[in-house]
């Protein structure tokens, strides 16, 4: 998700296309929900566009989960982690050591929870996954744990449980990140609470290495590259499904941006039709 796209374009101009997309997800794809990827932003248009997407999904009976790939509007992409002692690359809120990015993420998380109305005490309305993992910077266990603990103090604006709503999103190179495993074990084993992790795994080797690293609280994000038709997609996804020992939760990329020169051809929307999860291994 590009900040210019989410913060400068008015999605009302694309309402019919948005509606037809969610209709296809529901009718052809038979998907339970959709993961909507967006950057970390803060303009009125940004929040209006999120609401427009939620309203369309809801009207078509599709659950909407928000995925944040923060990007760099508020400093380094990892800056959202710092409620205090923010690094030099992270602009801090005036008079504090709290990263501006942290406050912006909390605002987004609270906003997303209340799209469908208030939360009942101690609950949440939808998950929010946030990218974690960088080749040039390693926050470490203490920073990740402090961030997660800070979420427990940030739901006052919405009355929602942001800790329970939060999911760690790991790209393939970071799918075995030690501090994420350590924090999950702490939350699950000591606090007796769930801690969900989304892992991008595509090849057989990647799936075999990490398909169960975070179970039972793990979603495998995958896809089949360059399928020419819905049957070939189903066949390719079947291999992933079986390699992952039929995971509890599986998510597949639905679209890719053909305007990008480095397009990733993982998609379930092919030739105007949409492959359904139920078609995997049933061709």
C-alpha atoms as a PDB file:
ATOM      1  CA  UNK A   1       0.000   0.000   0.000  1.00  0.00           C
ATOM      2  CA  UNK A   2       1.377   3.377  -1.078  1.00  0.00           C
ATOM      3  CA  UNK A   3       0.824   6.453   1.118  1.00  0.00           C
ATOM      4  CA  UNK A   4      -0.085   8.510  -1.935  1.00  0.00           C
ATOM      5  CA  UNK A   5      -2.769   6.021  -2.893  1.00  0.00           C
ATOM      6  CA  UNK A   6      -4.342   5.878   0.581  1.00  0.00           C
ATOM      7  CA  UNK A   7      -3.878   9.513   1.605  1.00  0.00           C
ATOM      8  CA  UNK A   8      -4.441  11.443  -1.618  1.00  0.00           C
ATOM      9  CA  UNK A   9      -6.936   9.432  -3.653  1.00  0.00           C
ATOM     10  CA  UNK A  10     -10.620   9.458  -2.779  1.00  0.00           C
ATOM     11  CA  UNK A  11     -11.867   5.880  -2.896  1.00  0.00           C
ATOM     12  CA  UNK A  12     -15.429   7.052  -3.512  1.00  0.00           C
ATOM     13  CA  UNK A  13     -14.291   7.535  -7.108  1.00  0.00           C
ATOM     14  CA  UNK A  14     -13.744   3.765  -7.313  1.00  0.00           C
ATOM     15  CA  UNK A  15     -16.786   2.626  -5.376  1.00  0.00           C
ATOM     16  CA  UNK A  16     -18.238   0.389  -8.093  1.00  0.00           C
ATOM     17  CA  UNK A  17     -14.909  -1.404  -8.571  1.00  0.00           C
ATOM     18  CA  UNK A  18     -14.511  -1.861  -4.794  1.00  0.00           C
ATOM     19  CA  UNK A  19     -18.033  -3.233  -4.490  1.00  0.00           C
ATOM     20  CA  UNK A  20     -17.557  -5.668  -7.377  1.00  0.00           C
ATOM     21  CA  UNK A  21     -14.308  -6.901  -5.832  1.00  0.00           C
ATOM     22  CA  UNK A  22     -15.889  -7.743  -2.498  1.00  0.00           C
ATOM     23  CA  UNK A  23     -18.854  -9.291  -4.297  1.00  0.00           C
ATOM     24  CA  UNK A  24     -16.450 -11.584  -6.154  1.00  0.00           C
ATOM     25  CA  UNK A  25     -14.616 -12.448  -2.937  1.00  0.00           C
ATOM     26  CA  UNK A  26     -17.895 -13.528  -1.400  1.00  0.00           C
ATOM     27  CA  UNK A  27     -19.640 -15.241  -4.316  1.00  0.00           C
ATOM     28  CA  UNK A  28     -16.891 -16.685  -6.519  1.00  0.00           C
ATOM     29  CA  UNK A  29     -14.077 -16.983  -4.029  1.00  0.00           C
ATOM     30  CA  UNK A  30     -16.218 -17.899  -1.030  1.00  0.00           C
ATOM     31  CA  UNK A  31     -13.603 -16.333   1.225  1.00  0.00           C
ATOM     32  CA  UNK A  32     -14.332 -15.837   4.894  1.00  0.00           C
ATOM     33  CA  UNK A  33     -12.410 -12.597   5.029  1.00  0.00           C
ATOM     34  CA  UNK A  34      -9.969 -10.301   3.299  1.00  0.00           C
ATOM     35  CA  UNK A  35      -6.651  -8.919   4.541  1.00  0.00           C
ATOM     36  CA  UNK A  36      -6.377  -5.299   3.455  1.00  0.00           C
ATOM     37  CA  UNK A  37      -2.808  -4.000   3.273  1.00  0.00           C
ATOM     38  CA  UNK A  38      -2.177  -0.329   3.921  1.00  0.00           C
ATOM     39  CA  UNK A  39       0.664   1.947   5.032  1.00  0.00           C
ATOM     40  CA  UNK A  40       0.682   3.929   8.264  1.00  0.00           C
ATOM     41  CA  UNK A  41      -0.979   7.286   7.588  1.00  0.00           C
ATOM     42  CA  UNK A  42      -2.921  10.022   9.336  1.00  0.00           C
ATOM     43  CA  UNK A  43      -4.865  12.220   6.912  1.00  0.00           C
ATOM     44  CA  UNK A  44      -8.670  12.532   6.875  1.00  0.00           C
ATOM     45  CA  UNK A  45      -8.745  10.963   3.400  1.00  0.00           C
ATOM     46  CA  UNK A  46      -6.769   7.990   4.725  1.00  0.00           C
ATOM     47  CA  UNK A  47      -9.330   7.259   7.431  1.00  0.00           C
ATOM     48  CA  UNK A  48     -12.262   7.925   5.101  1.00  0.00           C
ATOM     49  CA  UNK A  49     -10.844   5.408   2.617  1.00  0.00           C
ATOM     50  CA  UNK A  50     -10.465   2.763   5.311  1.00  0.00           C
ATOM     51  CA  UNK A  51     -14.080   3.312   6.320  1.00  0.00           C
ATOM     52  CA  UNK A  52     -15.201   3.067   2.688  1.00  0.00           C
ATOM     53  CA  UNK A  53     -13.433  -0.272   2.326  1.00  0.00           C
ATOM     54  CA  UNK A  54     -14.933  -1.560   5.571  1.00  0.00           C
ATOM     55  CA  UNK A  55     -18.448  -0.461   4.601  1.00  0.00           C
ATOM     56  CA  UNK A  56     -18.222  -2.221   1.241  1.00  0.00           C
ATOM     57  CA  UNK A  57     -16.806  -5.422   2.728  1.00  0.00           C
ATOM     58  CA  UNK A  58     -19.429  -5.448   5.456  1.00  0.00           C
ATOM     59  CA  UNK A  59     -22.271  -4.925   2.994  1.00  0.00           C
ATOM     60  CA  UNK A  60     -21.098  -8.026   1.111  1.00  0.00           C
ATOM     61  CA  UNK A  61     -20.692 -10.160   4.217  1.00  0.00           C
ATOM     62  CA  UNK A  62     -16.893 -10.230   4.040  1.00  0.00           C
ATOM     63  CA  UNK A  63     -14.815  -9.876   7.200  1.00  0.00           C
ATOM     64  CA  UNK A  64     -12.047  -7.301   6.949  1.00  0.00           C
ATOM     65  CA  UNK A  65      -8.673  -7.720   8.639  1.00  0.00           C
ATOM     66  CA  UNK A  66      -6.240  -4.821   8.455  1.00  0.00           C
ATOM     67  CA  UNK A  67      -2.571  -5.402   7.677  1.00  0.00           C
ATOM     68  CA  UNK A  68      -0.153  -2.520   8.218  1.00  0.00           C
ATOM     69  CA  UNK A  69       3.079  -2.321   6.254  1.00  0.00           C
ATOM     70  CA  UNK A  70       4.100   0.959   7.934  1.00  0.00           C
ATOM     71  CA  UNK A  71       6.526   2.378   5.329  1.00  0.00           C
ATOM     72  CA  UNK A  72       8.498   5.497   6.221  1.00  0.00           C
ATOM     73  CA  UNK A  73       6.249   8.527   6.634  1.00  0.00           C
ATOM     74  CA  UNK A  74       7.024   8.727  10.344  1.00  0.00           C
ATOM     75  CA  UNK A  75      10.665   7.640  10.310  1.00  0.00           C
ATOM     76  CA  UNK A  76      12.149   4.165  10.074  1.00  0.00           C
ATOM     77  CA  UNK A  77       9.563   1.466   9.455  1.00  0.00           C
ATOM     78  CA  UNK A  78      10.316  -0.069  12.859  1.00  0.00           C
ATOM     79  CA  UNK A  79       9.580   3.187  14.709  1.00  0.00           C
ATOM     80  CA  UNK A  80       6.038   2.100  15.574  1.00  0.00           C
ATOM     81  CA  UNK A  81       7.527  -0.198  18.223  1.00  0.00           C
ATOM     82  CA  UNK A  82       8.695   2.591  20.523  1.00  0.00           C
ATOM     83  CA  UNK A  83       6.354   3.919  23.185  1.00  0.00           C
ATOM     84  CA  UNK A  84       9.510   5.252  24.858  1.00  0.00           C
ATOM     85  CA  UNK A  85      13.226   5.547  24.191  1.00  0.00           C
ATOM     86  CA  UNK A  86      12.728   5.872  20.458  1.00  0.00           C
ATOM     87  CA  UNK A  87      15.906   5.515  18.334  1.00  0.00           C
ATOM     88  CA  UNK A  88      17.466   8.418  16.472  1.00  0.00           C
ATOM     89  CA  UNK A  89      15.774   7.436  13.203  1.00  0.00           C
ATOM     90  CA  UNK A  90      12.356   7.844  14.837  1.00  0.00           C
ATOM     91  CA  UNK A  91      10.906  11.347  15.269  1.00  0.00           C
ATOM     92  CA  UNK A  92       9.512  11.664  18.790  1.00  0.00           C
ATOM     93  CA  UNK A  93       6.317  13.356  19.935  1.00  0.00           C
ATOM     94  CA  UNK A  94       7.041  16.791  21.380  1.00  0.00           C
ATOM     95  CA  UNK A  95       8.452  16.664  24.878  1.00  0.00           C
ATOM     96  CA  UNK A  96       8.582  12.851  24.972  1.00  0.00           C
ATOM     97  CA  UNK A  97      10.684   9.899  23.859  1.00  0.00           C
ATOM     98  CA  UNK A  98       7.596   8.273  22.290  1.00  0.00           C
ATOM     99  CA  UNK A  99       7.915   7.731  18.564  1.00  0.00           C
ATOM    100  CA  UNK A 100       5.340   9.593  16.492  1.00  0.00           C
ATOM    101  CA  UNK A 101       4.852   6.356  14.570  1.00  0.00           C
ATOM    102  CA  UNK A 102       3.755   4.560  17.751  1.00  0.00           C
ATOM    103  CA  UNK A 103       1.038   7.135  18.384  1.00  0.00           C
ATOM    104  CA  UNK A 104      -0.103   7.011  14.761  1.00  0.00           C
ATOM    105  CA  UNK A 105      -0.374   3.214  14.886  1.00  0.00           C
ATOM    106  CA  UNK A 106      -2.380   3.343  18.113  1.00  0.00           C
ATOM    107  CA  UNK A 107      -4.730   5.877  16.527  1.00  0.00           C
ATOM    108  CA  UNK A 108      -5.208   3.566  13.543  1.00  0.00           C
ATOM    109  CA  UNK A 109      -5.755   0.502  15.743  1.00  0.00           C
ATOM    110  CA  UNK A 110      -8.398   2.247  17.828  1.00  0.00           C
ATOM    111  CA  UNK A 111     -10.090   3.626  14.715  1.00  0.00           C
ATOM    112  CA  UNK A 112     -10.194   0.202  13.092  1.00  0.00           C
ATOM    113  CA  UNK A 113     -11.739  -1.398  16.158  1.00  0.00           C
ATOM    114  CA  UNK A 114     -14.662   1.025  16.189  1.00  0.00           C
ATOM    115  CA  UNK A 115     -15.609   0.777  12.502  1.00  0.00           C
ATOM    116  CA  UNK A 116     -18.431  -1.568  13.465  1.00  0.00           C
ATOM    117  CA  UNK A 117     -19.231   0.054  16.805  1.00  0.00           C
ATOM    118  CA  UNK A 118     -17.822  -0.230  20.321  1.00  0.00           C
ATOM    119  CA  UNK A 119     -16.111  -3.300  21.762  1.00  0.00           C
ATOM    120  CA  UNK A 120     -17.531  -5.192  24.664  1.00  0.00           C
ATOM    121  CA  UNK A 121     -15.269  -4.986  27.696  1.00  0.00           C
ATOM    122  CA  UNK A 122     -11.928  -6.701  27.174  1.00  0.00           C
ATOM    123  CA  UNK A 123     -12.670  -7.752  23.588  1.00  0.00           C
ATOM    124  CA  UNK A 124     -11.819  -6.556  20.092  1.00  0.00           C
ATOM    125  CA  UNK A 125     -13.705  -6.330  16.803  1.00  0.00           C
ATOM    126  CA  UNK A 126     -10.998  -7.186  14.260  1.00  0.00           C
ATOM    127  CA  UNK A 127      -7.405  -8.247  14.049  1.00  0.00           C
ATOM    128  CA  UNK A 128      -4.661  -5.880  12.953  1.00  0.00           C
ATOM    129  CA  UNK A 129      -1.429  -7.404  11.701  1.00  0.00           C
ATOM    130  CA  UNK A 130       1.726  -5.277  11.581  1.00  0.00           C
ATOM    131  CA  UNK A 131       4.911  -5.974   9.622  1.00  0.00           C
ATOM    132  CA  UNK A 132       7.935  -6.996  11.687  1.00  0.00           C
ATOM    133  CA  UNK A 133      11.448  -7.812  10.434  1.00  0.00           C
ATOM    134  CA  UNK A 134      14.206  -5.726   8.842  1.00  0.00           C
ATOM    135  CA  UNK A 135      17.534  -6.673   7.361  1.00  0.00           C
ATOM    136  CA  UNK A 136      19.279  -3.480   8.509  1.00  0.00           C
ATOM    137  CA  UNK A 137      17.841  -3.217  12.030  1.00  0.00           C
ATOM    138  CA  UNK A 138      16.976  -5.740  14.722  1.00  0.00           C
ATOM    139  CA  UNK A 139      14.806  -4.296  17.504  1.00  0.00           C
ATOM    140  CA  UNK A 140      15.291  -7.349  19.728  1.00  0.00           C
ATOM    141  CA  UNK A 141      13.105  -9.055  22.290  1.00  0.00           C
ATOM    142  CA  UNK A 142      12.915  -6.215  24.811  1.00  0.00           C
ATOM    143  CA  UNK A 143      11.621  -3.723  22.213  1.00  0.00           C
ATOM    144  CA  UNK A 144       9.001  -6.136  20.873  1.00  0.00           C
ATOM    145  CA  UNK A 145       7.830  -7.132  24.348  1.00  0.00           C
ATOM    146  CA  UNK A 146       7.661  -3.504  25.484  1.00  0.00           C
ATOM    147  CA  UNK A 147       5.582  -2.664  22.430  1.00  0.00           C
ATOM    148  CA  UNK A 148       3.170  -5.530  23.079  1.00  0.00           C
ATOM    149  CA  UNK A 149       2.864  -4.579  26.742  1.00  0.00           C
ATOM    150  CA  UNK A 150       2.243  -0.948  25.786  1.00  0.00           C
ATOM    151  CA  UNK A 151      -0.701  -2.041  23.635  1.00  0.00           C
ATOM    152  CA  UNK A 152      -2.428  -3.116  26.837  1.00  0.00           C
ATOM    153  CA  UNK A 153      -2.487   0.505  27.971  1.00  0.00           C
ATOM    154  CA  UNK A 154      -3.602   2.054  24.680  1.00  0.00           C
ATOM    155  CA  UNK A 155      -7.200   0.912  24.251  1.00  0.00           C
ATOM    156  CA  UNK A 156      -8.817   3.597  26.371  1.00  0.00           C
ATOM    157  CA  UNK A 157      -9.988   5.589  23.349  1.00  0.00           C
ATOM    158  CA  UNK A 158     -11.933   2.645  21.968  1.00  0.00           C
ATOM    159  CA  UNK A 159     -12.406   0.435  25.016  1.00  0.00           C
ATOM    160  CA  UNK A 160     -10.928  -2.413  22.972  1.00  0.00           C
ATOM    161  CA  UNK A 161      -8.243  -4.967  23.756  1.00  0.00           C
ATOM    162  CA  UNK A 162      -5.466  -3.981  21.360  1.00  0.00           C
ATOM    163  CA  UNK A 163      -3.129  -6.683  22.647  1.00  0.00           C
ATOM    164  CA  UNK A 164      -5.593  -9.383  21.651  1.00  0.00           C
ATOM    165  CA  UNK A 165      -6.228  -7.708  18.291  1.00  0.00           C
ATOM    166  CA  UNK A 166      -2.541  -7.478  17.387  1.00  0.00           C
ATOM    167  CA  UNK A 167      -0.851  -9.976  15.044  1.00  0.00           C
ATOM    168  CA  UNK A 168       2.838 -10.051  14.127  1.00  0.00           C
ATOM    169  CA  UNK A 169       3.363 -10.288  10.346  1.00  0.00           C
ATOM    170  CA  UNK A 170       6.612 -11.930   9.242  1.00  0.00           C
ATOM    171  CA  UNK A 171       7.928 -11.918   5.690  1.00  0.00           C
ATOM    172  CA  UNK A 172       9.699 -15.076   4.545  1.00  0.00           C
ATOM    173  CA  UNK A 173      13.263 -14.148   5.629  1.00  0.00           C
ATOM    174  CA  UNK A 174      12.023 -13.362   9.141  1.00  0.00           C
ATOM    175  CA  UNK A 175       9.568 -16.227   9.583  1.00  0.00           C
ATOM    176  CA  UNK A 176      11.776 -17.848  12.223  1.00  0.00           C
ATOM    177  CA  UNK A 177      12.642 -14.665  14.131  1.00  0.00           C
ATOM    178  CA  UNK A 178      13.818 -15.598  17.618  1.00  0.00           C
ATOM    179  CA  UNK A 179      12.244 -12.712  19.554  1.00  0.00           C
ATOM    180  CA  UNK A 180       8.815 -13.366  18.051  1.00  0.00           C
ATOM    181  CA  UNK A 181       9.012 -17.019  19.093  1.00  0.00           C
ATOM    182  CA  UNK A 182      10.165 -15.950  22.555  1.00  0.00           C
ATOM    183  CA  UNK A 183       7.339 -13.453  23.021  1.00  0.00           C
ATOM    184  CA  UNK A 184       4.722 -15.901  21.794  1.00  0.00           C
ATOM    185  CA  UNK A 185       5.948 -18.517  24.261  1.00  0.00           C
ATOM    186  CA  UNK A 186       5.779 -15.963  27.083  1.00  0.00           C
ATOM    187  CA  UNK A 187       2.231 -14.891  26.223  1.00  0.00           C
ATOM    188  CA  UNK A 188       0.899 -18.393  25.538  1.00  0.00           C
ATOM    189  CA  UNK A 189       2.717 -20.391  28.222  1.00  0.00           C
ATOM    190  CA  UNK A 190       2.952 -17.905  31.081  1.00  0.00           C
ATOM    191  CA  UNK A 191      -0.009 -15.603  30.523  1.00  0.00           C
ATOM    192  CA  UNK A 192      -2.200 -18.341  29.011  1.00  0.00           C
ATOM    193  CA  UNK A 193      -3.343 -16.082  26.194  1.00  0.00           C
ATOM    194  CA  UNK A 194      -3.189 -16.469  22.416  1.00  0.00           C
ATOM    195  CA  UNK A 195      -0.578 -14.656  20.334  1.00  0.00           C
ATOM    196  CA  UNK A 196      -1.099 -14.853  16.574  1.00  0.00           C
ATOM    197  CA  UNK A 197       1.631 -14.723  13.947  1.00  0.00           C
ATOM    198  CA  UNK A 198       1.252 -14.482  10.157  1.00  0.00           C
ATOM    199  CA  UNK A 199       4.107 -16.022   8.165  1.00  0.00           C
ATOM    200  CA  UNK A 200       4.749 -15.598   4.446  1.00  0.00           C
ATOM    201  CA  UNK A 201       5.795 -19.043   3.195  1.00  0.00           C
ATOM    202  CA  UNK A 202       5.836 -20.011  -0.476  1.00  0.00           C
ATOM    203  CA  UNK A 203       8.241 -22.768  -1.482  1.00  0.00           C
ATOM    204  CA  UNK A 204       8.067 -26.304  -0.149  1.00  0.00           C
ATOM    205  CA  UNK A 205      11.316 -25.717   1.756  1.00  0.00           C
ATOM    206  CA  UNK A 206       9.995 -22.537   3.361  1.00  0.00           C
ATOM    207  CA  UNK A 207       6.744 -24.193   4.383  1.00  0.00           C
ATOM    208  CA  UNK A 208       8.489 -27.269   5.755  1.00  0.00           C
ATOM    209  CA  UNK A 209      10.848 -25.104   7.815  1.00  0.00           C
ATOM    210  CA  UNK A 210       8.254 -22.892   9.511  1.00  0.00           C
ATOM    211  CA  UNK A 211       4.690 -24.102   8.923  1.00  0.00           C
ATOM    212  CA  UNK A 212       4.302 -25.070  12.575  1.00  0.00           C
ATOM    213  CA  UNK A 213       6.706 -22.648  14.272  1.00  0.00           C
ATOM    214  CA  UNK A 214       3.871 -20.682  15.871  1.00  0.00           C
ATOM    215  CA  UNK A 215       1.033 -23.190  15.952  1.00  0.00           C
ATOM    216  CA  UNK A 216      -1.711 -23.264  17.019  1.00  0.00           C
ATOM    217  CA  UNK A 217      -1.713 -19.475  16.591  1.00  0.00           C
ATOM    218  CA  UNK A 218      -0.322 -19.187  13.084  1.00  0.00           C
ATOM    219  CA  UNK A 219      -1.694 -18.183   9.693  1.00  0.00           C
ATOM    220  CA  UNK A 220       0.276 -19.217   6.624  1.00  0.00           C
ATOM    221  CA  UNK A 221       0.305 -16.543   3.922  1.00  0.00           C
ATOM    222  CA  UNK A 222       1.052 -18.116   0.555  1.00  0.00           C
ATOM    223  CA  UNK A 223       0.107 -18.236  -3.094  1.00  0.00           C
ATOM    224  CA  UNK A 224       0.864 -19.974  -6.371  1.00  0.00           C
ATOM    225  CA  UNK A 225       3.049 -18.117  -8.861  1.00  0.00           C
ATOM    226  CA  UNK A 226       1.819 -17.416 -12.359  1.00  0.00           C
ATOM    227  CA  UNK A 227      -1.159 -19.784 -12.576  1.00  0.00           C
ATOM    228  CA  UNK A 228      -2.705 -19.555 -16.040  1.00  0.00           C
ATOM    229  CA  UNK A 229      -6.154 -20.714 -14.931  1.00  0.00           C
ATOM    230  CA  UNK A 230      -8.121 -21.613 -11.831  1.00  0.00           C
ATOM    231  CA  UNK A 231      -7.351 -25.342 -12.084  1.00  0.00           C
ATOM    232  CA  UNK A 232      -3.594 -24.831 -12.157  1.00  0.00           C
ATOM    233  CA  UNK A 233      -3.940 -22.495  -9.165  1.00  0.00           C
ATOM    234  CA  UNK A 234      -5.839 -25.174  -7.250  1.00  0.00           C
ATOM    235  CA  UNK A 235      -3.231 -27.801  -8.118  1.00  0.00           C
ATOM    236  CA  UNK A 236      -0.344 -25.597  -7.062  1.00  0.00           C
ATOM    237  CA  UNK A 237      -2.056 -24.579  -3.829  1.00  0.00           C
ATOM    238  CA  UNK A 238      -2.812 -28.221  -3.086  1.00  0.00           C
ATOM    239  CA  UNK A 239       0.911 -28.929  -2.824  1.00  0.00           C
ATOM    240  CA  UNK A 240       1.274 -26.073  -0.330  1.00  0.00           C
ATOM    241  CA  UNK A 241      -1.760 -27.284   1.617  1.00  0.00           C
ATOM    242  CA  UNK A 242      -0.416 -30.806   1.966  1.00  0.00           C
ATOM    243  CA  UNK A 243       3.148 -29.693   2.733  1.00  0.00           C
ATOM    244  CA  UNK A 244       1.789 -27.538   5.564  1.00  0.00           C
ATOM    245  CA  UNK A 245      -0.154 -30.535   6.904  1.00  0.00           C
ATOM    246  CA  UNK A 246      -3.514 -28.867   6.184  1.00  0.00           C
ATOM    247  CA  UNK A 247      -3.072 -25.723   8.312  1.00  0.00           C
ATOM    248  CA  UNK A 248      -5.783 -24.342  10.560  1.00  0.00           C
ATOM    249  CA  UNK A 249      -5.544 -20.948   8.836  1.00  0.00           C
ATOM    250  CA  UNK A 250      -4.372 -20.328   5.283  1.00  0.00           C
ATOM    251  CA  UNK A 251      -4.422 -17.018   3.400  1.00  0.00           C
ATOM    252  CA  UNK A 252      -3.722 -16.536  -0.285  1.00  0.00           C
ATOM    253  CA  UNK A 253      -2.812 -13.440  -2.254  1.00  0.00           C
ATOM    254  CA  UNK A 254      -5.803 -12.475  -4.386  1.00  0.00           C
ATOM    255  CA  UNK A 255      -4.439  -9.679  -6.582  1.00  0.00           C
ATOM    256  CA  UNK A 256      -1.114  -8.308  -7.705  1.00  0.00           C
ATOM    257  CA  UNK A 257      -0.306  -4.867  -9.097  1.00  0.00           C
ATOM    258  CA  UNK A 258       0.383  -5.277 -12.802  1.00  0.00           C
ATOM    259  CA  UNK A 259       1.621  -1.671 -12.992  1.00  0.00           C
ATOM    260  CA  UNK A 260       4.714  -2.514 -10.951  1.00  0.00           C
ATOM    261  CA  UNK A 261       7.797  -3.660 -12.850  1.00  0.00           C
ATOM    262  CA  UNK A 262       8.627  -6.201 -10.129  1.00  0.00           C
ATOM    263  CA  UNK A 263       5.181  -7.755  -9.990  1.00  0.00           C
ATOM    264  CA  UNK A 264       4.701 -10.801  -7.810  1.00  0.00           C
ATOM    265  CA  UNK A 265       2.397 -13.116  -9.717  1.00  0.00           C
ATOM    266  CA  UNK A 266       0.810 -14.754  -6.702  1.00  0.00           C
ATOM    267  CA  UNK A 267      -2.910 -14.250  -7.157  1.00  0.00           C
ATOM    268  CA  UNK A 268      -6.178 -16.104  -6.986  1.00  0.00           C
ATOM    269  CA  UNK A 269      -8.027 -13.712  -9.312  1.00  0.00           C
ATOM    270  CA  UNK A 270      -7.300 -15.109 -12.776  1.00  0.00           C
ATOM    271  CA  UNK A 271      -8.838 -14.258 -16.163  1.00  0.00           C
ATOM    272  CA  UNK A 272     -11.796 -12.499 -14.564  1.00  0.00           C
ATOM    273  CA  UNK A 273     -12.570 -15.400 -12.244  1.00  0.00           C
ATOM    274  CA  UNK A 274     -11.620 -16.097  -8.672  1.00  0.00           C
ATOM    275  CA  UNK A 275     -10.318 -19.353  -7.281  1.00  0.00           C
ATOM    276  CA  UNK A 276     -12.003 -20.517  -4.104  1.00  0.00           C
ATOM    277  CA  UNK A 277     -10.190 -21.957  -1.115  1.00  0.00           C
ATOM    278  CA  UNK A 278     -12.619 -24.853  -1.335  1.00  0.00           C
ATOM    279  CA  UNK A 279     -11.160 -25.739  -4.763  1.00  0.00           C
ATOM    280  CA  UNK A 280      -7.779 -26.661  -3.291  1.00  0.00           C
ATOM    281  CA  UNK A 281      -7.161 -30.385  -3.817  1.00  0.00           C
ATOM    282  CA  UNK A 282     -10.651 -30.865  -5.315  1.00  0.00           C
ATOM    283  CA  UNK A 283      -9.903 -30.244  -9.013  1.00  0.00           C
END
